[in-house]
Amino acid sequence: MNVALIMSGGVGKRFGSALPKQYNTIKGRPIIDYVIDACKKSKLTDRIVVVCDPSCVGYSEYLKNGEVDIALNGNERCYSLNNGLKFIEEHYDCDKVCIFDAVAPFVYPRLIDVYFSKLDEYDCVITSQKITGELGNYDYDILQRSDYYISQSPEAFRFKLLMKYFDPEFPSSELANQLPKNTKRYLNFDFKMNLKITYDFDLRYAEYMIDYFRELNGN
């Protein structure tokens, strides 16, 4: 079974809104609903689990109508993720899991299908971005940007492998870092328009671009 796990427990302090940013709207719809849409339209997604604060269920029709399963959020993302993974382990016979941010609305169904399919060959799939600017550091060491990349969600894993090594207390938020170094990883550099809503101006950009990217990707 393939499970989509959507992380929606954050409060978005940097966004500057009393309402958690994932429930702010783009063209009249909550941001999270665009992510749920993509998962529902994915041909390879069997179940969808949203990790969220129960008090926020009413902000999304999908959540309110029980169209997805809900796991309780934790005090921090690592504990919310732990709750979501434990929920999946307890309720499903899961083979593959793909983890999404509720505030990254440009994800699309075909991409999700690619990630689940890649897990037939790889142990994990990580959305990755090349670093286009120069790297600086406070010790003024010379760093080569080609030695680094930015990792993002979505990220997909063979579920049992992830559960074997997952530790919510791990000091890095990059899940793939918890896996053994010989883990077979696929770094996907092709999802370049992966906007994550962090600040209020990101929402304005998403309002302007969402229709274009959805049409471009057949969403």
Protein backbone atom coordinates (compact mmCIF):
# COMPACT_ATOMS: atom_id res chain seq x y z
CA MET A 1 0.00 0.00 0.00
CA ASN A 2 1.16 3.54 -0.86
CA VAL A 3 0.35 6.25 1.67
CA ALA A 4 0.57 10.02 1.25
CA LEU A 5 1.40 11.73 4.55
CA ILE A 6 0.67 15.47 4.62
CA MET A 7 2.27 17.50 7.39
CA SER A 8 -0.14 20.22 8.50
CA GLY A 9 0.62 20.74 12.18
CA GLY A 10 2.61 23.98 11.96
CA VAL A 11 1.45 27.42 13.06
CA GLY A 12 3.53 29.49 10.60
CA LYS A 13 5.08 32.10 12.92
CA ARG A 14 7.06 33.73 10.08
CA PHE A 15 3.92 34.09 7.98
CA GLY A 16 2.38 36.62 10.35
CA SER A 17 -1.20 35.35 10.42
CA ALA A 18 -3.39 34.27 13.34
CA LEU A 19 -4.60 31.45 11.12
CA PRO A 20 -2.02 28.71 10.38
CA LYS A 21 -0.73 29.51 6.90
CA GLN A 22 -1.81 26.18 5.37
CA TYR A 23 -5.44 27.22 5.90
CA ASN A 24 -5.03 30.62 4.27
CA THR A 25 -6.53 30.63 0.80
CA ILE A 26 -5.30 30.71 -2.77
CA LYS A 27 -8.11 31.72 -5.11
CA GLY A 28 -10.64 31.01 -2.39
CA ARG A 29 -9.34 27.53 -1.45
CA PRO A 30 -7.14 26.58 1.53
CA ILE A 31 -3.52 25.96 0.58
CA ILE A 32 -3.65 22.43 1.99
CA ASP A 33 -6.52 21.50 -0.36
CA TYR A 34 -4.24 21.89 -3.38
CA VAL A 35 -1.88 19.32 -1.85
CA ILE A 36 -4.75 16.95 -1.01
CA ASP A 37 -6.07 17.41 -4.56
CA ALA A 38 -2.78 16.26 -6.04
CA CYS A 39 -2.66 13.21 -3.76
CA LYS A 40 -6.26 12.26 -4.54
CA LYS A 41 -5.60 12.49 -8.29
CA SER A 42 -2.38 10.46 -8.08
CA LYS A 43 -2.94 7.04 -9.63
CA LEU A 44 -0.58 5.32 -7.19
CA THR A 45 -1.76 6.84 -3.89
CA ASP A 46 -3.93 4.42 -1.91
CA ARG A 47 -4.54 6.39 1.30
CA ILE A 48 -4.01 9.95 2.51
CA VAL A 49 -3.16 10.86 6.11
CA VAL A 50 -3.05 14.46 7.32
CA VAL A 51 -1.22 15.33 10.54
CA CYS A 52 -2.97 18.35 12.02
CA ASP A 53 -4.41 20.11 15.04
CA PRO A 54 -8.00 18.86 15.47
CA SER A 55 -9.19 22.43 16.05
CA CYS A 56 -8.30 23.25 12.44
CA VAL A 57 -10.33 20.50 10.77
CA GLY A 58 -13.14 22.90 9.90
CA TYR A 59 -10.91 25.01 7.67
CA SER A 60 -10.73 22.38 4.92
CA GLU A 61 -13.68 20.63 3.29
CA TYR A 62 -11.54 17.52 2.80
CA LEU A 63 -10.76 17.34 6.51
CA LYS A 64 -14.25 18.31 7.65
CA ASN A 65 -15.92 15.72 5.41
CA GLY A 66 -13.65 12.88 6.50
CA GLU A 67 -12.19 12.36 3.02
CA VAL A 68 -8.73 11.80 4.50
CA ASP A 69 -7.48 10.17 7.68
CA ILE A 70 -6.24 12.43 10.47
CA ALA A 71 -3.34 11.93 12.88
CA LEU A 72 -2.76 14.30 15.79
CA ASN A 73 0.05 16.83 15.53
CA GLY A 74 2.86 17.19 18.06
CA ASN A 75 4.55 20.21 19.63
CA GLU A 76 7.22 20.23 16.91
CA ARG A 77 7.44 18.91 13.36
CA CYS A 78 9.57 15.92 14.37
CA TYR A 79 6.92 14.77 16.84
CA SER A 80 4.12 15.43 14.37
CA LEU A 81 5.97 13.29 11.86
CA ASN A 82 6.43 10.59 14.47
CA ASN A 83 2.68 10.63 15.15
CA GLY A 84 1.91 10.37 11.46
CA LEU A 85 4.28 7.48 10.85
CA LYS A 86 3.00 5.62 13.92
CA PHE A 87 -0.58 6.13 12.72
CA ILE A 88 0.31 4.59 9.36
CA GLU A 89 2.12 1.70 11.02
CA GLU A 90 -0.89 0.96 13.24
CA HIS A 91 -3.60 1.27 10.59
CA TYR A 92 -2.15 0.11 7.26
CA ASP A 93 0.12 -2.46 5.70
CA CYS A 94 2.24 0.27 4.15
CA ASP A 95 4.98 -0.44 1.61
CA LYS A 96 5.77 3.11 0.51
CA VAL A 97 5.17 6.51 2.04
CA CYS A 98 5.45 9.95 0.43
CA ILE A 99 5.67 12.92 2.80
CA PHE A 100 4.35 16.36 1.84
CA ASP A 101 4.22 19.85 3.34
CA ALA A 102 0.69 21.28 3.50
CA VAL A 103 2.16 24.67 2.54
CA ALA A 104 3.74 23.54 -0.77
CA PRO A 105 0.77 23.78 -3.16
CA PHE A 106 2.53 23.30 -6.53
CA VAL A 107 2.91 19.53 -6.13
CA TYR A 108 1.08 17.59 -8.86
CA PRO A 109 -0.27 14.04 -9.37
CA ARG A 110 2.21 12.85 -11.99
CA LEU A 111 5.12 13.81 -9.74
CA ILE A 112 3.66 11.75 -6.90
CA ASP A 113 3.31 8.75 -9.20
CA VAL A 114 6.94 9.12 -10.24
CA TYR A 115 8.07 9.14 -6.61
CA PHE A 116 6.14 6.01 -5.71
CA SER A 117 7.39 4.29 -8.89
CA LYS A 118 11.01 5.20 -8.17
CA LEU A 119 10.75 3.31 -4.88
CA ASP A 120 10.62 0.08 -6.87
CA GLU A 121 14.31 0.68 -7.55
CA TYR A 122 15.43 3.12 -4.84
CA ASP A 123 15.08 3.24 -1.06
CA CYS A 124 14.14 6.91 -0.97
CA VAL A 125 13.37 9.81 -3.28
CA ILE A 126 14.25 13.37 -2.25
CA THR A 127 13.15 16.58 -3.93
CA SER A 128 16.41 18.47 -4.46
CA GLN A 129 17.43 21.88 -5.74
CA LYS A 130 20.77 23.02 -7.10
CA ILE A 131 22.32 25.95 -5.26
CA THR A 132 22.58 28.83 -7.74
CA GLY A 133 24.13 31.46 -5.45
CA GLU A 134 27.51 31.39 -3.80
CA LEU A 135 27.94 29.82 -0.36
CA GLY A 136 29.22 31.89 2.52
CA ASN A 137 30.05 30.96 6.09
CA TYR A 138 31.06 32.83 9.23
CA ASP A 139 34.57 31.34 9.25
CA TYR A 140 35.14 32.58 5.68
CA ASP A 141 36.11 29.13 4.42
CA ILE A 142 35.96 28.48 0.69
CA LEU A 143 33.01 26.22 -0.09
CA GLN A 144 32.10 24.66 -3.41
CA ARG A 145 28.39 24.95 -4.09
CA SER A 146 28.56 21.86 -6.33
CA ASP A 147 29.23 19.81 -3.16
CA TYR A 148 25.83 20.77 -1.71
CA TYR A 149 22.17 20.80 -2.62
CA ILE A 150 18.94 21.94 -0.98
CA SER A 151 16.56 19.16 0.07
CA GLN A 152 12.80 19.69 0.18
CA SER A 153 9.53 17.82 0.39
CA PRO A 154 7.98 15.79 -1.05
CA GLU A 155 10.22 12.94 -0.01
CA ALA A 156 9.35 9.28 -0.41
CA PHE A 157 10.62 6.19 1.40
CA ARG A 158 10.26 2.48 1.61
CA PHE A 159 8.17 2.53 4.74
CA LYS A 160 9.71 -0.31 6.72
CA LEU A 161 13.22 1.02 6.10
CA LEU A 162 12.26 4.48 7.32
CA MET A 163 10.56 3.10 10.41
CA LYS A 164 13.59 1.00 11.25
CA TYR A 165 15.84 4.06 11.52
CA PHE A 166 13.50 6.97 12.24
CA ASP A 167 14.22 8.87 15.44
CA PRO A 168 12.23 12.05 16.23
CA GLU A 169 15.18 13.27 18.33
CA PHE A 170 17.62 13.10 15.39
CA PRO A 171 19.47 16.45 15.10
CA SER A 172 18.79 16.92 11.35
CA SER A 173 15.38 17.51 9.80
CA GLU A 174 16.55 15.77 6.61
CA LEU A 175 15.02 12.32 6.99
CA ALA A 176 17.36 10.68 4.50
CA ASN A 177 20.25 11.52 6.83
CA GLN A 178 18.86 9.03 9.33
CA LEU A 179 19.25 6.17 6.87
CA PRO A 180 22.51 4.23 6.38
CA LYS A 181 24.98 5.86 4.00
CA ASN A 182 24.70 2.95 1.58
CA THR A 183 20.97 3.59 1.18
CA LYS A 184 20.03 3.81 -2.49
CA ARG A 185 18.78 7.37 -2.94
CA TYR A 186 17.25 9.17 -5.90
CA LEU A 187 17.68 12.94 -5.90
CA ASN A 188 15.03 14.58 -8.05
CA PHE A 189 16.26 17.93 -9.39
CA ASP A 190 13.41 18.28 -11.91
CA PHE A 191 10.74 19.80 -9.64
CA LYS A 192 12.06 23.36 -9.90
CA MET A 193 8.81 25.22 -9.20
CA ASN A 194 8.41 23.79 -5.70
CA LEU A 195 7.19 26.87 -3.84
CA LYS A 196 6.73 26.57 -0.08
CA ILE A 197 4.54 29.28 1.47
CA THR A 198 6.73 30.80 4.18
CA TYR A 199 6.03 34.55 4.06
CA ASP A 200 2.93 36.53 3.13
CA PHE A 201 4.42 37.57 -0.21
CA ASP A 202 4.76 33.87 -1.15
CA LEU A 203 0.98 33.68 -1.01
CA ARG A 204 0.69 36.55 -3.48
CA TYR A 205 3.08 34.80 -5.86
CA ALA A 206 1.11 31.55 -5.54
CA GLU A 207 -2.14 33.39 -6.33
CA TYR A 208 -0.57 34.65 -9.53
CA MET A 209 1.13 31.41 -10.65
CA ILE A 210 -1.01 28.51 -9.39
CA ASP A 211 -3.24 28.25 -12.47
CA TYR A 212 -0.25 28.31 -14.80
CA PHE A 213 1.59 25.53 -12.98
CA ARG A 214 -1.53 23.39 -12.59
CA GLU A 215 -2.21 23.65 -16.32
CA LEU A 216 1.46 23.01 -17.12
CA ASN A 217 1.48 19.81 -15.08
CA GLY A 218 -1.98 18.57 -15.98
CA ASN A 219 -3.33 18.97 -12.45
